[in-house]
Amino acid sequence: MTDASFNPPAGAGLSLAGPGDYFALMKPRVMSLVVFTAVCGLLLAPGSLGLGSALIAILCIAVGAGASGALNMWYDADIDGAMARTSQRPIPKGVLTPRAALGFGAIMSLASVWLLAVATNWVAAGLLAFTIFFYLVIYTMWLKRSTPQNIVIGGAAGAFPPMVAYAAVTGTVTFDSVILFSIIFFWTPPHFWALALYKQTDYGRVGIPMMPNVHGAKRTRREIFIYSLFLFVLTLWPWQTGLGGRVYGVGAVLLSGVFAYMAWRVLRSRAGDKVSDINPDEATLYAVRDGNKSARNLFAFSILYLFAIFGLLTVDHLFLRGLL
């Protein structure tokens, strides 16, 4: 991906970009979830950081995640303009060039890793550097355009933030931090495949081999349900290891039960069977035709679900430690 292959929309022209345009490069909606799970990882870790170091650690993880988003938009500039879901990003709109996104992402990546190392330790900084590398090189450059398992393997990038924060406190990787990683890792496929079921025309238009486009909607619905069952089991691990208590355990059963039920509803539906385009004026993240509503509902709930699981675990853990 180079500036030579970048063609802004007709009539758009490149205008002077403002701070808001650079902030949009960092995918703030995704970054909010990254920040939240990182804060949870920081609070769940044994021991503590000083307030200043803790705030710097969260800032670095947020900036590192945002830098990954900017680098992703640099590399995907050739396809973002052709997808309704991504057509309003700064590069397709013509307010930023891919080169500007590359420079911004590279500077933010280096700054976040270096500052995290100075403020905490090199284990956390190394994990953050690997997260950025994984998202850009392994997922964006390789997996995304080559295999329908792109989101399964590539989902590891989004699962690292609580582990990075945990390591910022402890200087190491433990079984508990791997549990936090695993919950997000197994949550990611049903979360994104639900979206792909009702946005598969968007992905197919630019040749991205998402599961529904390659293996069909029926298999996608089946795998969403299977992953929801794995997720149900994984969310019980913190209860078994003592990271969370009974309150968390009961809450996890209820939340994961609802998630599995909604995945079952998707399994029993015909979501994704009938491919139909959404009118450009309706091309929002949640715009959907009637037959795909079960997939849309699971996608929407999955975001609230991850916030709830990590929030409940963290609050219960703090009560167990007598900190609340």
C-alpha atoms as a PDB file:
ATOM      1  CA  MET A   1       0.000   0.000   0.000  1.00  0.00           C
ATOM      2  CA  THR A   2       1.521   3.311  -1.091  1.00  0.00           C
ATOM      3  CA  ASP A   3       0.356   6.844  -1.754  1.00  0.00           C
ATOM      4  CA  ALA A   4       0.674   6.049  -5.446  1.00  0.00           C
ATOM      5  CA  SER A   5      -2.292   3.677  -5.199  1.00  0.00           C
ATOM      6  CA  PHE A   6      -4.388   6.129  -3.171  1.00  0.00           C
ATOM      7  CA  ASN A   7      -7.187   7.845  -5.042  1.00  0.00           C
ATOM      8  CA  PRO A   8      -9.366  10.131  -2.903  1.00  0.00           C
ATOM      9  CA  PRO A   9     -13.069  10.368  -3.697  1.00  0.00           C
ATOM     10  CA  ALA A  10     -13.936  12.490  -6.676  1.00  0.00           C
ATOM     11  CA  GLY A  11     -14.388  16.099  -5.664  1.00  0.00           C
ATOM     12  CA  ALA A  12     -13.081  15.516  -2.165  1.00  0.00           C
ATOM     13  CA  GLY A  13      -9.609  16.977  -2.494  1.00  0.00           C
ATOM     14  CA  LEU A  14      -7.085  16.833   0.320  1.00  0.00           C
ATOM     15  CA  SER A  15      -7.854  19.438   2.937  1.00  0.00           C
ATOM     16  CA  LEU A  16      -6.014  20.548   6.027  1.00  0.00           C
ATOM     17  CA  ALA A  17      -6.545  17.839   8.608  1.00  0.00           C
ATOM     18  CA  GLY A  18      -7.434  18.718  12.166  1.00  0.00           C
ATOM     19  CA  PRO A  19      -6.801  16.917  15.474  1.00  0.00           C
ATOM     20  CA  GLY A  20     -10.168  15.186  15.161  1.00  0.00           C
ATOM     21  CA  ASP A  21      -9.091  13.536  11.917  1.00  0.00           C
ATOM     22  CA  TYR A  22      -5.954  12.121  13.491  1.00  0.00           C
ATOM     23  CA  PHE A  23      -7.978  10.966  16.486  1.00  0.00           C
ATOM     24  CA  ALA A  24     -10.358   9.179  14.113  1.00  0.00           C
ATOM     25  CA  LEU A  25      -7.353   7.265  12.742  1.00  0.00           C
ATOM     26  CA  MET A  26      -6.984   5.699  16.184  1.00  0.00           C
ATOM     27  CA  LYS A  27     -10.417   4.007  16.003  1.00  0.00           C
ATOM     28  CA  PRO A  28     -11.755   5.551  19.232  1.00  0.00           C
ATOM     29  CA  ARG A  29     -14.723   3.182  19.427  1.00  0.00           C
ATOM     30  CA  VAL A  30     -12.395   0.166  19.496  1.00  0.00           C
ATOM     31  CA  MET A  31      -9.937   1.993  21.737  1.00  0.00           C
ATOM     32  CA  SER A  32     -12.602   2.480  24.420  1.00  0.00           C
ATOM     33  CA  LEU A  33     -12.922  -1.279  24.837  1.00  0.00           C
ATOM     34  CA  VAL A  34      -9.137  -1.661  24.839  1.00  0.00           C
ATOM     35  CA  VAL A  35      -8.787   0.959  27.575  1.00  0.00           C
ATOM     36  CA  PHE A  36     -11.510  -0.605  29.697  1.00  0.00           C
ATOM     37  CA  THR A  37     -10.071  -4.142  29.567  1.00  0.00           C
ATOM     38  CA  ALA A  38      -6.580  -2.735  30.228  1.00  0.00           C
ATOM     39  CA  VAL A  39      -7.822  -0.916  33.343  1.00  0.00           C
ATOM     40  CA  CYS A  40      -9.397  -4.165  34.483  1.00  0.00           C
ATOM     41  CA  GLY A  41      -6.129  -6.033  33.896  1.00  0.00           C
ATOM     42  CA  LEU A  42      -4.278  -3.425  35.937  1.00  0.00           C
ATOM     43  CA  LEU A  43      -6.718  -3.734  38.864  1.00  0.00           C
ATOM     44  CA  LEU A  44      -6.840  -7.531  38.714  1.00  0.00           C
ATOM     45  CA  ALA A  45      -3.061  -7.933  38.935  1.00  0.00           C
ATOM     46  CA  PRO A  46      -1.535  -8.702  42.348  1.00  0.00           C
ATOM     47  CA  GLY A  47       0.402  -5.730  43.670  1.00  0.00           C
ATOM     48  CA  SER A  48      -0.048  -2.170  42.521  1.00  0.00           C
ATOM     49  CA  LEU A  49       1.531   0.703  40.635  1.00  0.00           C
ATOM     50  CA  GLY A  50       1.753   4.283  41.789  1.00  0.00           C
ATOM     51  CA  LEU A  51      -1.062   6.428  40.448  1.00  0.00           C
ATOM     52  CA  GLY A  52       1.237   8.205  38.004  1.00  0.00           C
ATOM     53  CA  SER A  53       2.705   4.991  36.612  1.00  0.00           C
ATOM     54  CA  ALA A  54      -0.743   3.416  36.379  1.00  0.00           C
ATOM     55  CA  LEU A  55      -2.141   6.352  34.405  1.00  0.00           C
ATOM     56  CA  ILE A  56       0.883   6.339  32.092  1.00  0.00           C
ATOM     57  CA  ALA A  57       0.497   2.585  31.544  1.00  0.00           C
ATOM     58  CA  ILE A  58      -3.156   2.938  30.511  1.00  0.00           C
ATOM     59  CA  LEU A  59      -2.300   5.910  28.294  1.00  0.00           C
ATOM     60  CA  CYS A  60       0.467   3.937  26.565  1.00  0.00           C
ATOM     61  CA  ILE A  61      -1.799   0.941  25.959  1.00  0.00           C
ATOM     62  CA  ALA A  62      -4.490   3.250  24.562  1.00  0.00           C
ATOM     63  CA  VAL A  63      -2.018   5.082  22.318  1.00  0.00           C
ATOM     64  CA  GLY A  64      -0.470   1.784  21.195  1.00  0.00           C
ATOM     65  CA  ALA A  65      -3.924   0.468  20.267  1.00  0.00           C
ATOM     66  CA  GLY A  66      -4.717   3.723  18.469  1.00  0.00           C
ATOM     67  CA  ALA A  67      -1.410   3.565  16.613  1.00  0.00           C
ATOM     68  CA  SER A  68      -2.322   0.055  15.444  1.00  0.00           C
ATOM     69  CA  GLY A  69      -5.590   1.438  14.114  1.00  0.00           C
ATOM     70  CA  ALA A  70      -3.789   4.191  12.219  1.00  0.00           C
ATOM     71  CA  LEU A  71      -1.354   1.713  10.678  1.00  0.00           C
ATOM     72  CA  ASN A  72      -4.279  -0.521   9.748  1.00  0.00           C
ATOM     73  CA  MET A  73      -5.968   2.397   7.962  1.00  0.00           C
ATOM     74  CA  TRP A  74      -2.716   3.187   6.156  1.00  0.00           C
ATOM     75  CA  TYR A  75      -2.436  -0.321   4.776  1.00  0.00           C
ATOM     76  CA  ASP A  76      -6.160  -0.765   4.070  1.00  0.00           C
ATOM     77  CA  ALA A  77      -6.630   2.609   2.357  1.00  0.00           C
ATOM     78  CA  ASP A  78      -7.173   0.795  -0.944  1.00  0.00           C
ATOM     79  CA  ILE A  79     -10.243  -1.088   0.311  1.00  0.00           C
ATOM     80  CA  ASP A  80     -11.743   1.179   2.975  1.00  0.00           C
ATOM     81  CA  GLY A  81     -13.246   3.531   0.395  1.00  0.00           C
ATOM     82  CA  ALA A  82     -15.126   0.663  -1.263  1.00  0.00           C
ATOM     83  CA  MET A  83     -16.800  -0.522   1.941  1.00  0.00           C
ATOM     84  CA  ALA A  84     -19.848   1.330   3.239  1.00  0.00           C
ATOM     85  CA  ARG A  85     -18.820   0.618   6.831  1.00  0.00           C
ATOM     86  CA  THR A  86     -15.395   2.252   6.416  1.00  0.00           C
ATOM     87  CA  SER A  87     -15.999   4.815   3.666  1.00  0.00           C
ATOM     88  CA  GLN A  88     -16.145   7.731   6.099  1.00  0.00           C
ATOM     89  CA  ARG A  89     -12.710   7.136   7.604  1.00  0.00           C
ATOM     90  CA  PRO A  90     -10.224  10.015   7.195  1.00  0.00           C
ATOM     91  CA  ILE A  91      -8.287   8.547   4.257  1.00  0.00           C
ATOM     92  CA  PRO A  92     -11.265   7.564   2.051  1.00  0.00           C
ATOM     93  CA  LYS A  93     -12.838  10.961   2.806  1.00  0.00           C
ATOM     94  CA  GLY A  94      -9.705  12.605   1.458  1.00  0.00           C
ATOM     95  CA  VAL A  95      -8.695  14.581   4.547  1.00  0.00           C
ATOM     96  CA  LEU A  96      -5.543  12.518   5.198  1.00  0.00           C
ATOM     97  CA  THR A  97      -3.137  10.641   2.957  1.00  0.00           C
ATOM     98  CA  PRO A  98      -1.961   7.102   3.668  1.00  0.00           C
ATOM     99  CA  ARG A  99       1.550   8.517   4.194  1.00  0.00           C
ATOM    100  CA  ALA A 100       0.266  10.805   6.958  1.00  0.00           C
ATOM    101  CA  ALA A 101      -1.447   7.848   8.636  1.00  0.00           C
ATOM    102  CA  LEU A 102       1.738   5.792   8.390  1.00  0.00           C
ATOM    103  CA  GLY A 103       3.877   8.501   9.948  1.00  0.00           C
ATOM    104  CA  PHE A 104       1.374   9.168  12.711  1.00  0.00           C
ATOM    105  CA  GLY A 105       0.978   5.464  13.519  1.00  0.00           C
ATOM    106  CA  ALA A 106       4.726   4.811  13.519  1.00  0.00           C
ATOM    107  CA  ILE A 107       5.504   7.739  15.832  1.00  0.00           C
ATOM    108  CA  MET A 108       2.706   6.825  18.251  1.00  0.00           C
ATOM    109  CA  SER A 109       3.820   3.179  18.264  1.00  0.00           C
ATOM    110  CA  LEU A 110       7.421   3.993  19.162  1.00  0.00           C
ATOM    111  CA  ALA A 111       6.417   6.591  21.757  1.00  0.00           C
ATOM    112  CA  SER A 112       3.930   4.309  23.516  1.00  0.00           C
ATOM    113  CA  VAL A 113       6.328   1.362  23.763  1.00  0.00           C
ATOM    114  CA  TRP A 114       9.251   3.480  24.966  1.00  0.00           C
ATOM    115  CA  LEU A 115       7.191   5.353  27.565  1.00  0.00           C
ATOM    116  CA  LEU A 116       5.627   2.139  28.890  1.00  0.00           C
ATOM    117  CA  ALA A 117       9.103   0.644  29.352  1.00  0.00           C
ATOM    118  CA  VAL A 118      10.278   3.724  31.252  1.00  0.00           C
ATOM    119  CA  ALA A 119       7.157   3.975  33.420  1.00  0.00           C
ATOM    120  CA  THR A 120       6.774   0.247  34.200  1.00  0.00           C
ATOM    121  CA  ASN A 121       8.953  -2.541  32.782  1.00  0.00           C
ATOM    122  CA  TRP A 122      10.258  -4.064  29.561  1.00  0.00           C
ATOM    123  CA  VAL A 123       7.991  -7.125  29.748  1.00  0.00           C
ATOM    124  CA  ALA A 124       4.906  -4.949  29.421  1.00  0.00           C
ATOM    125  CA  ALA A 125       6.582  -2.810  26.757  1.00  0.00           C
ATOM    126  CA  GLY A 126       7.621  -5.899  24.816  1.00  0.00           C
ATOM    127  CA  LEU A 127       4.066  -7.247  24.908  1.00  0.00           C
ATOM    128  CA  LEU A 128       2.731  -3.905  23.672  1.00  0.00           C
ATOM    129  CA  ALA A 129       5.276  -3.843  20.831  1.00  0.00           C
ATOM    130  CA  PHE A 130       4.313  -7.400  19.879  1.00  0.00           C
ATOM    131  CA  THR A 131       0.619  -6.449  19.952  1.00  0.00           C
ATOM    132  CA  ILE A 132       1.191  -3.610  17.472  1.00  0.00           C
ATOM    133  CA  PHE A 133       3.325  -5.863  15.257  1.00  0.00           C
ATOM    134  CA  PHE A 134       0.742  -8.645  15.401  1.00  0.00           C
ATOM    135  CA  TYR A 135      -2.136  -6.362  14.427  1.00  0.00           C
ATOM    136  CA  LEU A 136      -0.276  -4.708  11.564  1.00  0.00           C
ATOM    137  CA  VAL A 137       1.801  -7.522  10.095  1.00  0.00           C
ATOM    138  CA  ILE A 138       0.150 -10.802  11.100  1.00  0.00           C
ATOM    139  CA  TYR A 139      -3.475  -9.679  10.900  1.00  0.00           C
ATOM    140  CA  THR A 140      -3.726  -6.664   8.561  1.00  0.00           C
ATOM    141  CA  MET A 141      -1.002  -7.514   6.036  1.00  0.00           C
ATOM    142  CA  TRP A 142      -1.291 -11.304   6.025  1.00  0.00           C
ATOM    143  CA  LEU A 143      -4.359 -12.969   7.553  1.00  0.00           C
ATOM    144  CA  LYS A 144      -7.070 -10.447   6.736  1.00  0.00           C
ATOM    145  CA  ARG A 145      -6.809 -10.891   2.980  1.00  0.00           C
ATOM    146  CA  SER A 146      -5.733 -14.520   2.837  1.00  0.00           C
ATOM    147  CA  THR A 147      -7.903 -16.735   5.075  1.00  0.00           C
ATOM    148  CA  PRO A 148     -11.423 -16.864   6.560  1.00  0.00           C
ATOM    149  CA  GLN A 149      -9.691 -17.651   9.864  1.00  0.00           C
ATOM    150  CA  ASN A 150      -8.353 -14.078   9.818  1.00  0.00           C
ATOM    151  CA  ILE A 151     -10.435 -12.901  12.748  1.00  0.00           C
ATOM    152  CA  VAL A 152      -9.772 -16.048  14.812  1.00  0.00           C
ATOM    153  CA  ILE A 153      -5.984 -15.782  14.787  1.00  0.00           C
ATOM    154  CA  GLY A 154      -5.904 -12.021  14.336  1.00  0.00           C
ATOM    155  CA  GLY A 155      -8.201 -11.616  17.324  1.00  0.00           C
ATOM    156  CA  ALA A 156      -5.187 -12.178  19.547  1.00  0.00           C
ATOM    157  CA  ALA A 157      -4.195  -8.554  18.960  1.00  0.00           C
ATOM    158  CA  GLY A 158      -7.344  -7.334  20.683  1.00  0.00           C
ATOM    159  CA  ALA A 159      -6.891  -9.825  23.519  1.00  0.00           C
ATOM    160  CA  PHE A 160      -3.450  -8.583  24.606  1.00  0.00           C
ATOM    161  CA  PRO A 161      -4.327  -5.252  26.367  1.00  0.00           C
ATOM    162  CA  PRO A 162      -5.352  -6.713  29.772  1.00  0.00           C
ATOM    163  CA  MET A 163      -2.282  -8.950  29.655  1.00  0.00           C
ATOM    164  CA  VAL A 164      -0.067  -5.937  28.918  1.00  0.00           C
ATOM    165  CA  ALA A 165      -1.596  -4.030  31.835  1.00  0.00           C
ATOM    166  CA  TYR A 166      -1.233  -7.055  34.121  1.00  0.00           C
ATOM    167  CA  ALA A 167       2.437  -7.316  33.161  1.00  0.00           C
ATOM    168  CA  ALA A 168       2.898  -3.592  33.832  1.00  0.00           C
ATOM    169  CA  VAL A 169       2.126  -4.358  37.488  1.00  0.00           C
ATOM    170  CA  THR A 170       3.756  -7.778  37.887  1.00  0.00           C
ATOM    171  CA  GLY A 171       6.538  -7.744  35.295  1.00  0.00           C
ATOM    172  CA  THR A 172       5.499 -11.195  34.154  1.00  0.00           C
ATOM    173  CA  VAL A 173       2.799 -13.275  32.437  1.00  0.00           C
ATOM    174  CA  THR A 174       0.735 -15.519  34.706  1.00  0.00           C
ATOM    175  CA  PHE A 175      -2.066 -18.025  34.263  1.00  0.00           C
ATOM    176  CA  ASP A 176      -4.600 -15.443  35.411  1.00  0.00           C
ATOM    177  CA  SER A 177      -3.468 -12.988  32.742  1.00  0.00           C
ATOM    178  CA  VAL A 178      -3.707 -15.768  30.153  1.00  0.00           C
ATOM    179  CA  ILE A 179      -7.320 -16.319  31.261  1.00  0.00           C
ATOM    180  CA  LEU A 180      -8.095 -12.646  30.605  1.00  0.00           C
ATOM    181  CA  PHE A 181      -6.461 -12.986  27.178  1.00  0.00           C
ATOM    182  CA  SER A 182      -8.414 -16.176  26.419  1.00  0.00           C
ATOM    183  CA  ILE A 183     -11.815 -14.686  27.243  1.00  0.00           C
ATOM    184  CA  ILE A 184     -11.329 -11.906  24.677  1.00  0.00           C
ATOM    185  CA  PHE A 185      -9.716 -14.280  22.177  1.00  0.00           C
ATOM    186  CA  PHE A 186     -12.744 -16.626  22.151  1.00  0.00           C
ATOM    187  CA  TRP A 187     -15.209 -13.723  22.291  1.00  0.00           C
ATOM    188  CA  THR A 188     -13.803 -12.162  19.120  1.00  0.00           C
ATOM    189  CA  PRO A 189     -14.949 -14.704  16.461  1.00  0.00           C
ATOM    190  CA  PRO A 190     -18.663 -14.728  17.380  1.00  0.00           C
ATOM    191  CA  HIS A 191     -18.551 -10.948  17.833  1.00  0.00           C
ATOM    192  CA  PHE A 192     -17.108 -10.262  14.356  1.00  0.00           C
ATOM    193  CA  TRP A 193     -18.765 -13.137  12.518  1.00  0.00           C
ATOM    194  CA  ALA A 194     -22.152 -11.880  13.680  1.00  0.00           C
ATOM    195  CA  LEU A 195     -21.254  -8.570  12.029  1.00  0.00           C
ATOM    196  CA  ALA A 196     -19.936 -10.361   8.948  1.00  0.00           C
ATOM    197  CA  LEU A 197     -23.229 -12.236   8.518  1.00  0.00           C
ATOM    198  CA  TYR A 198     -25.139  -9.036   7.862  1.00  0.00           C
ATOM    199  CA  LYS A 199     -22.257  -7.086   6.286  1.00  0.00           C
ATOM    200  CA  GLN A 200     -20.881  -9.818   4.035  1.00  0.00           C
ATOM    201  CA  THR A 201     -21.623  -7.861   0.860  1.00  0.00           C
ATOM    202  CA  ASP A 202     -19.294  -5.155   2.122  1.00  0.00           C
ATOM    203  CA  TYR A 203     -16.466  -7.629   2.708  1.00  0.00           C
ATOM    204  CA  GLY A 204     -17.107  -9.569  -0.495  1.00  0.00           C
ATOM    205  CA  ARG A 205     -16.960  -6.389  -2.575  1.00  0.00           C
ATOM    206  CA  VAL A 206     -13.294  -5.865  -1.665  1.00  0.00           C
ATOM    207  CA  GLY A 207     -12.259  -9.530  -1.624  1.00  0.00           C
ATOM    208  CA  ILE A 208     -11.877  -9.976   2.144  1.00  0.00           C
ATOM    209  CA  PRO A 209     -12.397 -13.729   2.803  1.00  0.00           C
ATOM    210  CA  MET A 210     -14.659 -13.538   5.838  1.00  0.00           C
ATOM    211  CA  MET A 211     -16.258 -16.790   6.985  1.00  0.00           C
ATOM    212  CA  PRO A 212     -19.732 -16.197   5.443  1.00  0.00           C
ATOM    213  CA  ASN A 213     -18.236 -15.288   2.065  1.00  0.00           C
ATOM    214  CA  VAL A 214     -15.995 -18.349   1.886  1.00  0.00           C
ATOM    215  CA  HIS A 215     -17.777 -21.131   3.787  1.00  0.00           C
ATOM    216  CA  GLY A 216     -21.332 -19.845   3.775  1.00  0.00           C
ATOM    217  CA  ALA A 217     -23.742 -18.495   6.321  1.00  0.00           C
ATOM    218  CA  LYS A 218     -24.803 -21.885   7.699  1.00  0.00           C
ATOM    219  CA  ARG A 219     -21.284 -22.866   8.760  1.00  0.00           C
ATOM    220  CA  THR A 220     -20.691 -19.372  10.139  1.00  0.00           C
ATOM    221  CA  ARG A 221     -23.807 -19.611  12.309  1.00  0.00           C
ATOM    222  CA  ARG A 222     -22.680 -23.028  13.569  1.00  0.00           C
ATOM    223  CA  GLU A 223     -19.199 -21.814  14.465  1.00  0.00           C
ATOM    224  CA  ILE A 224     -20.593 -18.747  16.223  1.00  0.00           C
ATOM    225  CA  PHE A 225     -22.582 -21.071  18.472  1.00  0.00           C
ATOM    226  CA  ILE A 226     -19.604 -23.383  19.093  1.00  0.00           C
ATOM    227  CA  TYR A 227     -17.393 -20.473  20.097  1.00  0.00           C
ATOM    228  CA  SER A 228     -20.122 -19.185  22.410  1.00  0.00           C
ATOM    229  CA  LEU A 229     -20.010 -22.515  24.277  1.00  0.00           C
ATOM    230  CA  PHE A 230     -16.218 -22.324  24.636  1.00  0.00           C
ATOM    231  CA  LEU A 231     -16.637 -18.764  25.871  1.00  0.00           C
ATOM    232  CA  PHE A 232     -19.176 -19.896  28.465  1.00  0.00           C
ATOM    233  CA  VAL A 233     -16.637 -22.323  29.928  1.00  0.00           C
ATOM    234  CA  LEU A 234     -13.745 -19.855  29.791  1.00  0.00           C
ATOM    235  CA  THR A 235     -15.605 -17.174  31.711  1.00  0.00           C
ATOM    236  CA  LEU A 236     -15.938 -19.613  34.619  1.00  0.00           C
ATOM    237  CA  TRP A 237     -12.160 -20.037  34.975  1.00  0.00           C
ATOM    238  CA  PRO A 238     -11.634 -16.891  37.082  1.00  0.00           C
ATOM    239  CA  TRP A 239     -14.145 -18.301  39.573  1.00  0.00           C
ATOM    240  CA  GLN A 240     -12.179 -21.553  39.741  1.00  0.00           C
ATOM    241  CA  THR A 241      -8.764 -19.921  40.141  1.00  0.00           C
ATOM    242  CA  GLY A 242      -9.925 -17.418  42.770  1.00  0.00           C
ATOM    243  CA  LEU A 243      -9.456 -14.377  40.551  1.00  0.00           C
ATOM    244  CA  GLY A 244     -13.197 -13.829  40.946  1.00  0.00           C
ATOM    245  CA  GLY A 245     -15.641 -14.910  43.643  1.00  0.00           C
ATOM    246  CA  ARG A 246     -19.172 -16.266  43.815  1.00  0.00           C
ATOM    247  CA  VAL A 247     -20.792 -13.009  42.742  1.00  0.00           C
ATOM    248  CA  TYR A 248     -18.707 -13.013  39.585  1.00  0.00           C
ATOM    249  CA  GLY A 249     -19.380 -16.718  39.029  1.00  0.00           C
ATOM    250  CA  VAL A 250     -23.153 -16.312  39.157  1.00  0.00           C
ATOM    251  CA  GLY A 251     -22.988 -13.203  36.976  1.00  0.00           C
ATOM    252  CA  ALA A 252     -20.749 -14.940  34.434  1.00  0.00           C
ATOM    253  CA  VAL A 253     -23.170 -17.867  34.186  1.00  0.00           C
ATOM    254  CA  LEU A 254     -26.075 -15.504  33.549  1.00  0.00           C
ATOM    255  CA  LEU A 255     -24.250 -13.249  31.078  1.00  0.00           C
ATOM    256  CA  SER A 256     -22.626 -16.109  29.165  1.00  0.00           C
ATOM    257  CA  GLY A 257     -25.922 -17.989  29.206  1.00  0.00           C
ATOM    258  CA  VAL A 258     -27.618 -15.056  27.492  1.00  0.00           C
ATOM    259  CA  PHE A 259     -24.737 -14.831  25.000  1.00  0.00           C
ATOM    260  CA  ALA A 260     -25.036 -18.563  24.197  1.00  0.00           C
ATOM    261  CA  TYR A 261     -28.826 -18.270  23.878  1.00  0.00           C
ATOM    262  CA  MET A 262     -28.486 -15.391  21.419  1.00  0.00           C
ATOM    263  CA  ALA A 263     -25.879 -17.401  19.479  1.00  0.00           C
ATOM    264  CA  TRP A 264     -28.360 -20.286  19.411  1.00  0.00           C
ATOM    265  CA  ARG A 265     -30.973 -17.909  18.020  1.00  0.00           C
ATOM    266  CA  VAL A 266     -28.505 -17.032  15.263  1.00  0.00           C
ATOM    267  CA  LEU A 267     -27.885 -20.753  14.657  1.00  0.00           C
ATOM    268  CA  ARG A 268     -31.610 -21.381  14.273  1.00  0.00           C
ATOM    269  CA  SER A 269     -32.092 -18.352  12.034  1.00  0.00           C
ATOM    270  CA  ARG A 270     -31.344 -17.813   8.364  1.00  0.00           C
ATOM    271  CA  ALA A 271     -29.073 -14.849   9.049  1.00  0.00           C
ATOM    272  CA  GLY A 272     -26.699 -14.312   6.163  1.00  0.00           C
ATOM    273  CA  ASP A 273     -28.528 -16.645   3.767  1.00  0.00           C
ATOM    274  CA  LYS A 274     -30.003 -13.823   1.736  1.00  0.00           C
ATOM    275  CA  VAL A 275     -27.360 -11.346   0.711  1.00  0.00           C
ATOM    276  CA  SER A 276     -28.758  -7.880   0.151  1.00  0.00           C
ATOM    277  CA  ASP A 277     -27.142  -4.487   0.074  1.00  0.00           C
ATOM    278  CA  ILE A 278     -28.128  -1.739   2.464  1.00  0.00           C
ATOM    279  CA  ASN A 279     -28.889   1.567   0.799  1.00  0.00           C
ATOM    280  CA  PRO A 280     -25.988   4.033   1.214  1.00  0.00           C
ATOM    281  CA  ASP A 281     -28.178   6.264   3.396  1.00  0.00           C
ATOM    282  CA  GLU A 282     -28.759   3.286   5.736  1.00  0.00           C
ATOM    283  CA  ALA A 283     -25.166   2.090   5.756  1.00  0.00           C
ATOM    284  CA  THR A 284     -24.576   2.384   9.484  1.00  0.00           C
ATOM    285  CA  LEU A 285     -23.023  -0.266  11.668  1.00  0.00           C
ATOM    286  CA  TYR A 286     -26.392  -1.539  12.873  1.00  0.00           C
ATOM    287  CA  ALA A 287     -28.490  -1.119   9.722  1.00  0.00           C
ATOM    288  CA  VAL A 288     -29.862  -4.541   8.812  1.00  0.00           C
ATOM    289  CA  ARG A 289     -32.592  -6.307   6.854  1.00  0.00           C
ATOM    290  CA  ASP A 290     -35.265  -8.303   8.711  1.00  0.00           C
ATOM    291  CA  GLY A 291     -33.750 -11.737   8.134  1.00  0.00           C
ATOM    292  CA  ASN A 292     -30.445 -10.759   9.720  1.00  0.00           C
ATOM    293  CA  LYS A 293     -31.688  -9.177  12.944  1.00  0.00           C
ATOM    294  CA  SER A 294     -30.593 -12.066  15.155  1.00  0.00           C
ATOM    295  CA  ALA A 295     -26.985 -11.581  13.992  1.00  0.00           C
ATOM    296  CA  ARG A 296     -27.213  -7.818  14.506  1.00  0.00           C
ATOM    297  CA  ASN A 297     -28.629  -8.337  18.001  1.00  0.00           C
ATOM    298  CA  LEU A 298     -25.814 -10.710  18.951  1.00  0.00           C
ATOM    299  CA  PHE A 299     -23.209  -8.278  17.651  1.00  0.00           C
ATOM    300  CA  ALA A 300     -24.698  -5.407  19.662  1.00  0.00           C
ATOM    301  CA  PHE A 301     -25.039  -7.502  22.829  1.00  0.00           C
ATOM    302  CA  SER A 302     -21.509  -8.874  22.510  1.00  0.00           C
ATOM    303  CA  ILE A 303     -20.039  -5.402  23.066  1.00  0.00           C
ATOM    304  CA  LEU A 304     -22.052  -4.861  26.242  1.00  0.00           C
ATOM    305  CA  TYR A 305     -21.245  -8.424  27.280  1.00  0.00           C
ATOM    306  CA  LEU A 306     -17.476  -7.945  27.287  1.00  0.00           C
ATOM    307  CA  PHE A 307     -17.749  -4.711  29.258  1.00  0.00           C
ATOM    308  CA  ALA A 308     -20.028  -6.470  31.767  1.00  0.00           C
ATOM    309  CA  ILE A 309     -17.857  -9.584  32.188  1.00  0.00           C
ATOM    310  CA  PHE A 310     -14.655  -7.634  32.795  1.00  0.00           C
ATOM    311  CA  GLY A 311     -16.382  -5.033  34.929  1.00  0.00           C
ATOM    312  CA  LEU A 312     -18.071  -7.615  37.133  1.00  0.00           C
ATOM    313  CA  LEU A 313     -14.859  -9.609  37.515  1.00  0.00           C
ATOM    314  CA  THR A 314     -12.880  -6.529  38.496  1.00  0.00           C
ATOM    315  CA  VAL A 315     -15.409  -5.227  41.039  1.00  0.00           C
ATOM    316  CA  ASP A 316     -15.814  -8.676  42.619  1.00  0.00           C
ATOM    317  CA  HIS A 317     -12.029  -9.134  42.757  1.00  0.00           C
ATOM    318  CA  LEU A 318     -11.567  -5.782  44.488  1.00  0.00           C
ATOM    319  CA  PHE A 319     -14.202  -6.729  47.054  1.00  0.00           C
ATOM    320  CA  LEU A 320     -12.392 -10.022  47.695  1.00  0.00           C
ATOM    321  CA  ARG A 321      -9.160  -8.099  48.290  1.00  0.00           C
ATOM    322  CA  GLY A 322     -10.958  -5.692  50.602  1.00  0.00           C
ATOM    323  CA  LEU A 323     -10.239  -2.722  48.368  1.00  0.00           C
ATOM    324  CA  LEU A 324     -13.909  -1.819  47.905  1.00  0.00           C
END
